[in-house]
Amino acid sequence: MIKGRRPPEVTQKLRPVGGADTRPPDEDIARDEAADWVERSLALSRLATEGRMDLEEIPEAWLKSPDARLRAEGVARLLTHWIASPNLEDHLAAALRQLAQDLDPVVRASAAGALAGYLMLLGAREARIMRALVSALERDDDWVVQRRCWEELLALVAPARLVDVPRHSFDREYDVDWSVLARWRDG
């Protein structure tokens, strides 16, 4: 047997050849509160990629989840897959609230990424979102959130400078060039 390869009987157990797929449908997985958050997120992404825009209530519900990882995924999915939604303004408001108020830094960082990604898709620099990202960079106590905000802001206004962002630590007083953001700072 070649090193690193599974014996055929193991492979057959993992992936039945010619047999029916026994996984539950993606919609069931995405809605299943007992399912792993990664599986739920992947299932919803597959459904959205297939055009299932009727499932918008799933990531909306995730925004209220006690699981921070689902809240983070909810905002990311809404501002990636549902940007043509008539509820887009509600989704943007929820992302702005998460960025400013969520107790978990993973959620705040995800909201920063989702908001910046939305601006990149639009090709615009919507002032309220830019100000919110700058405000989070100025006010958030968590260095991971600060770094994510700075990375996203640089990607929007000075992408060539992204190579300057430290990967394993961050000090906004030392690492941020505030002059790049002057236009969006509050006084």
Protein backbone atom coordinates (compact mmCIF):
# COMPACT_ATOMS: atom_id res chain seq x y z
CA MET A 1 0.00 0.00 0.00
CA ILE A 2 1.25 3.49 -0.83
CA LYS A 3 1.94 5.62 2.24
CA GLY A 4 -0.81 8.15 2.89
CA ARG A 5 -3.49 6.35 0.90
CA ARG A 6 -6.51 4.74 2.47
CA PRO A 7 -7.25 1.08 1.87
CA PRO A 8 -10.14 0.63 -0.61
CA GLU A 9 -12.52 -0.68 2.06
CA VAL A 10 -12.12 2.55 4.08
CA THR A 11 -12.64 4.74 1.03
CA GLN A 12 -15.79 2.83 0.15
CA LYS A 13 -17.18 3.44 3.63
CA LEU A 14 -16.46 7.16 3.33
CA ARG A 15 -17.83 7.59 -0.19
CA PRO A 16 -20.19 4.94 -1.47
CA VAL A 17 -19.55 4.24 -5.15
CA GLY A 18 -22.78 4.32 -7.08
CA GLY A 19 -24.76 4.46 -3.86
CA ALA A 20 -27.12 7.19 -2.76
CA ASP A 21 -25.78 10.13 -0.79
CA THR A 22 -27.11 9.61 2.73
CA ARG A 23 -26.43 13.17 3.96
CA PRO A 24 -29.49 15.21 4.82
CA PRO A 25 -30.37 17.94 2.29
CA ASP A 26 -28.42 21.17 2.71
CA GLU A 27 -31.49 23.13 3.74
CA ASP A 28 -32.08 20.73 6.64
CA ILE A 29 -28.44 21.01 7.70
CA ALA A 30 -28.50 24.82 7.55
CA ARG A 31 -31.60 24.93 9.75
CA ASP A 32 -30.53 22.20 12.20
CA GLU A 33 -29.57 23.90 15.47
CA ALA A 34 -27.89 20.70 16.66
CA ALA A 35 -25.61 20.53 13.60
CA ASP A 36 -22.04 21.78 13.67
CA TRP A 37 -21.78 25.49 12.81
CA VAL A 38 -19.23 24.81 10.05
CA GLU A 39 -21.53 22.28 8.38
CA ARG A 40 -24.45 24.70 8.66
CA SER A 41 -22.43 27.51 7.11
CA LEU A 42 -21.14 25.36 4.27
CA ALA A 43 -24.64 24.07 3.55
CA LEU A 44 -26.04 27.59 3.41
CA SER A 45 -23.21 28.74 1.14
CA ARG A 46 -23.92 25.89 -1.27
CA LEU A 47 -27.62 26.75 -1.29
CA ALA A 48 -26.97 30.46 -1.86
CA THR A 49 -24.56 29.63 -4.67
CA GLU A 50 -27.33 27.54 -6.23
CA GLY A 51 -29.56 30.64 -6.15
CA ARG A 52 -31.69 29.80 -3.11
CA MET A 53 -32.42 33.42 -2.19
CA ASP A 54 -35.63 32.28 -0.47
CA LEU A 55 -33.53 31.11 2.51
CA GLU A 56 -32.55 34.59 3.68
CA GLU A 57 -34.25 34.01 7.03
CA ILE A 58 -31.61 31.43 7.97
CA PRO A 59 -28.63 33.82 8.22
CA GLU A 60 -30.98 36.46 9.65
CA ALA A 61 -31.80 34.05 12.48
CA TRP A 62 -28.10 33.31 12.97
CA LEU A 63 -27.58 37.00 13.84
CA LYS A 64 -29.47 36.31 17.08
CA SER A 65 -27.73 33.03 17.88
CA PRO A 66 -26.01 32.57 21.25
CA ASP A 67 -23.14 31.01 19.25
CA ALA A 68 -20.76 33.80 18.23
CA ARG A 69 -19.49 31.76 15.29
CA LEU A 70 -23.00 31.58 13.82
CA ARG A 71 -23.52 35.32 14.37
CA ALA A 72 -20.26 35.93 12.53
CA GLU A 73 -21.29 33.61 9.69
CA GLY A 74 -24.76 35.17 9.53
CA VAL A 75 -23.47 38.66 8.86
CA ALA A 76 -20.88 37.39 6.39
CA ARG A 77 -23.46 35.38 4.43
CA LEU A 78 -26.04 38.19 4.33
CA LEU A 79 -23.60 40.74 2.96
CA THR A 80 -22.12 38.27 0.48
CA HIS A 81 -25.03 36.25 -0.89
CA TRP A 82 -28.03 38.49 -0.23
CA ILE A 83 -26.82 41.92 -1.40
CA ALA A 84 -29.69 42.13 -3.90
CA SER A 85 -32.24 41.58 -1.13
CA PRO A 86 -34.97 44.13 -0.49
CA ASN A 87 -33.86 43.79 3.16
CA LEU A 88 -30.31 44.95 2.42
CA GLU A 89 -30.64 48.10 4.55
CA ASP A 90 -31.70 45.95 7.52
CA HIS A 91 -28.71 43.66 6.94
CA LEU A 92 -26.34 46.63 6.77
CA ALA A 93 -27.83 48.05 9.98
CA ALA A 94 -27.39 44.67 11.70
CA ALA A 95 -23.76 44.45 10.54
CA LEU A 96 -23.07 48.00 11.77
CA ARG A 97 -24.63 47.09 15.15
CA GLN A 98 -22.53 43.94 15.37
CA LEU A 99 -19.37 45.87 14.55
CA ALA A 100 -20.07 48.40 17.30
CA GLN A 101 -21.83 46.34 19.97
CA ASP A 102 -21.36 42.58 19.79
CA LEU A 103 -19.63 41.21 22.87
CA ASP A 104 -17.50 38.75 20.92
CA PRO A 105 -14.47 40.04 18.99
CA VAL A 106 -14.86 37.27 16.39
CA VAL A 107 -18.27 38.68 15.49
CA ARG A 108 -17.03 42.28 15.42
CA ALA A 109 -14.11 41.29 13.18
CA SER A 110 -16.43 39.34 10.89
CA ALA A 111 -18.78 42.32 10.66
CA ALA A 112 -15.83 44.52 9.67
CA GLY A 113 -14.89 42.07 6.94
CA ALA A 114 -18.46 41.73 5.70
CA LEU A 115 -19.00 45.48 5.56
CA ALA A 116 -15.73 46.07 3.71
CA GLY A 117 -16.50 43.20 1.35
CA TYR A 118 -19.86 44.77 0.61
CA LEU A 119 -18.12 48.06 -0.25
CA MET A 120 -15.67 46.21 -2.50
CA LEU A 121 -18.54 44.52 -4.33
CA LEU A 122 -20.20 47.90 -4.79
CA GLY A 123 -16.99 49.57 -5.82
CA ALA A 124 -17.98 52.44 -3.54
CA ARG A 125 -16.80 54.06 -0.33
CA GLU A 126 -20.10 54.61 1.42
CA ALA A 127 -19.31 57.20 4.10
CA ARG A 128 -21.36 55.68 6.93
CA ILE A 129 -19.63 52.31 6.58
CA MET A 130 -16.19 53.84 6.22
CA ARG A 131 -16.82 55.95 9.36
CA ALA A 132 -18.05 52.87 11.25
CA LEU A 133 -14.90 50.93 10.34
CA VAL A 134 -12.67 53.84 11.38
CA SER A 135 -14.65 54.26 14.60
CA ALA A 136 -14.25 50.57 15.43
CA LEU A 137 -10.52 50.85 14.74
CA GLU A 138 -10.33 53.84 17.12
CA ARG A 139 -12.57 52.52 19.89
CA ASP A 140 -12.50 48.73 19.98
CA ASP A 141 -10.33 47.31 22.77
CA ASP A 142 -9.51 44.04 21.01
CA TRP A 143 -6.37 44.12 18.84
CA VAL A 144 -7.75 41.45 16.49
CA VAL A 145 -10.76 43.64 15.68
CA GLN A 146 -8.52 46.68 15.32
CA ARG A 147 -6.20 44.85 12.92
CA ARG A 148 -9.13 43.52 10.87
CA CYS A 149 -10.59 47.02 10.57
CA TRP A 150 -7.20 48.43 9.52
CA GLU A 151 -6.68 45.62 6.96
CA GLU A 152 -10.14 46.17 5.49
CA LEU A 153 -9.73 49.94 5.37
CA LEU A 154 -6.35 49.61 3.69
CA ALA A 155 -7.81 47.19 1.16
CA LEU A 156 -10.40 49.84 0.31
CA VAL A 157 -8.24 52.96 0.19
CA ALA A 158 -4.58 51.91 -0.12
CA PRO A 159 -4.29 48.24 -1.10
CA ALA A 160 -0.57 48.47 -1.84
CA ARG A 161 0.01 49.15 1.87
CA LEU A 162 -1.51 45.84 3.04
CA VAL A 163 1.93 44.26 3.19
CA ASP A 164 2.72 46.58 6.13
CA VAL A 165 0.08 45.09 8.45
CA PRO A 166 1.63 42.87 11.17
CA ARG A 167 0.13 39.38 11.33
CA HIS A 168 0.63 38.31 14.94
CA SER A 169 0.17 41.48 16.94
CA PHE A 170 -1.19 44.93 16.41
CA ASP A 171 -0.94 48.30 18.12
CA ARG A 172 -3.17 50.92 16.55
CA GLU A 173 -1.02 53.73 17.97
CA TYR A 174 2.06 52.35 16.21
CA ASP A 175 0.73 50.40 13.20
CA VAL A 176 -1.99 52.72 11.84
CA ASP A 177 -1.29 55.65 9.55
CA TRP A 178 -4.20 57.82 10.63
CA SER A 179 -3.59 60.31 7.81
CA VAL A 180 -4.90 57.71 5.35
CA LEU A 181 -8.22 57.74 7.25
CA ALA A 182 -8.54 61.46 8.03
CA ARG A 183 -11.51 61.90 5.68
CA TRP A 184 -13.63 59.42 7.70
CA ARG A 185 -12.58 60.28 11.27
CA ASP A 186 -14.90 62.05 13.71
CA GLY A 187 -13.20 65.36 14.46
